[in-house]
Protein backbone atom coordinates (compact mmCIF):
# COMPACT_ATOMS: atom_id res chain seq x y z
CA MET A 1 6.69 1.80 22.90
CA GLU A 2 6.64 1.13 19.12
CA LEU A 3 4.29 0.35 16.46
CA TYR A 4 5.13 -1.26 13.21
CA ARG A 5 4.15 -1.47 9.55
CA TYR A 6 5.77 -3.10 6.45
CA ASN A 7 5.70 -1.33 3.17
CA GLU A 8 6.75 -2.15 -0.20
CA VAL A 9 9.26 0.39 -1.91
CA THR A 10 10.89 0.60 -5.27
CA ASP A 11 14.51 1.33 -5.61
CA TYR A 12 15.12 2.91 -9.17
CA GLY A 13 18.96 3.45 -8.93
CA ASP A 14 22.10 4.06 -6.95
CA GLU A 15 23.49 7.04 -5.30
CA ASP A 16 24.93 8.31 -8.46
CA ASN A 17 21.22 8.69 -9.73
CA ILE A 18 22.13 6.01 -12.63
CA LEU A 19 19.02 4.42 -13.41
CA GLU A 20 18.76 0.70 -13.15
CA ASP A 21 16.10 -1.82 -13.14
CA PRO A 22 13.70 -1.18 -10.34
CA ILE A 23 14.11 -3.32 -7.55
CA ALA A 24 11.04 -3.91 -4.98
CA LYS A 25 12.12 -3.98 -1.46
CA VAL A 26 10.01 -4.60 1.78
CA ILE A 27 10.91 -2.19 4.69
CA LEU A 28 9.75 -2.12 8.31
CA LEU A 29 8.57 1.22 9.61
CA ARG A 30 8.74 1.97 13.17
CA PHE A 31 6.50 4.37 14.99
CA ASP A 32 7.37 5.83 18.37
CA VAL A 33 3.95 6.12 20.35
CA ILE A 34 3.99 9.71 21.32
CA ARG A 35 0.80 9.29 23.63
CA GLU A 36 -1.57 6.54 24.74
CA THR A 37 -5.24 6.67 25.76
CA ASN A 38 -7.50 3.87 27.01
CA CYS A 39 -8.62 3.06 23.52
CA CYS A 40 -5.87 3.86 21.20
CA TYR A 41 -2.03 4.88 20.66
CA VAL A 42 -1.07 8.03 19.03
CA ILE A 43 1.69 8.15 16.57
CA LYS A 44 3.22 11.11 15.05
CA GLY A 45 2.01 11.22 11.37
CA TYR A 46 2.01 13.65 8.40
CA PRO A 47 0.35 16.09 8.08
CA LYS A 48 -1.15 15.07 11.57
CA ASP A 49 -0.92 12.46 14.35
CA ARG A 50 -2.70 9.13 13.69
CA TYR A 51 -4.56 7.31 16.33
CA ILE A 52 -4.22 3.39 16.24
CA SER A 53 -6.88 1.34 18.02
CA LYS A 54 -5.51 -0.88 20.68
CA CYS A 55 -7.94 -3.12 19.62
CA GLN A 56 -5.62 -5.38 17.18
CA HIS A 57 -8.55 -7.26 15.61
CA GLY A 58 -9.16 -6.03 11.94
CA LYS A 59 -7.14 -3.83 9.85
CA ARG A 60 -4.90 -0.86 11.34
CA TYR A 61 -2.49 1.41 10.14
CA ALA A 62 0.31 0.06 12.32
CA TYR A 63 0.73 -3.03 14.72
CA THR A 64 2.17 -3.84 18.12
CA THR A 65 3.96 -6.81 16.77
CA LYS A 66 6.12 -7.41 13.64
CA GLU A 67 4.27 -10.50 13.01
CA MET A 68 1.01 -8.74 12.92
CA ALA A 69 2.22 -6.02 10.67
CA LEU A 70 3.74 -8.75 8.28
CA LYS A 71 0.44 -10.36 8.18
CA SER A 72 -1.40 -6.97 7.39
CA PHE A 73 1.21 -6.28 4.61
CA GLY A 74 0.44 -9.81 2.89
CA ILE A 75 -3.17 -8.98 2.94
CA ARG A 76 -2.61 -5.64 1.78
CA ASN A 77 -0.64 -6.92 -1.32
CA ILE A 78 -3.34 -9.63 -2.17
CA ARG A 79 -5.83 -6.89 -2.07
CA ARG A 80 -3.73 -4.64 -4.20
CA ILE A 81 -2.98 -7.84 -6.65
CA ASN A 82 -6.71 -8.35 -7.02
CA ILE A 83 -7.51 -4.56 -7.74
CA LEU A 84 -4.73 -4.25 -10.22
CA LYS A 85 -5.79 -7.53 -12.03
CA ASP A 86 -9.77 -6.15 -12.26
CA GLN A 87 -8.27 -2.84 -13.80
CA LEU A 88 -6.04 -4.74 -16.21
CA GLU A 89 -8.84 -6.89 -17.37
CA ARG A 90 -11.29 -3.82 -17.81
CA THR A 91 -8.49 -2.02 -19.80
CA ASN A 92 -7.95 -5.04 -22.08
CA LYS A 93 -11.85 -5.13 -22.64
CA ALA A 94 -11.79 -1.55 -23.40
CA ARG A 95 -8.88 -1.86 -25.81
CA GLU A 96 -10.79 -4.68 -27.48
CA ILE A 97 -13.61 -2.46 -28.11
CA TYR A 98 -11.37 0.24 -29.22
CA LYS A 99 -9.70 -2.10 -31.91
CA ASN A 100 -12.96 -3.68 -33.04
CA LYS A 101 -15.30 -0.73 -33.14
CA LYS A 102 -12.96 2.45 -34.18
CA ASP A 103 -15.55 3.69 -36.65
CA GLU A 104 -18.49 3.34 -34.46
CA LEU A 105 -16.92 5.13 -31.63
CA LEU A 106 -15.98 8.00 -34.04
CA ALA A 107 -19.55 8.43 -35.06
CA LEU A 108 -20.64 8.92 -31.56
């Protein structure tokens, strides 16, 4: 039996190690189930094995179907975008404080 997970990777160049514009790619990871219990699947992981709940509701590291894995990938990316937007907004506010209050900040 296999479990599935989609991940995004960035390709920075070709085989000759010549840097090009980074290209985002979506890859499908396949995990062989090495053991199964009543409640979970066990897949080989680094540095230790991962236990994946058989209850497929909610988030999991890997899924029994490609469709569920792809849906999870979409949800993870939306979360990631929201986190990065929030970080960018806070960084821009800090940058404005830096620009407008350099002297006050140095006096602290």
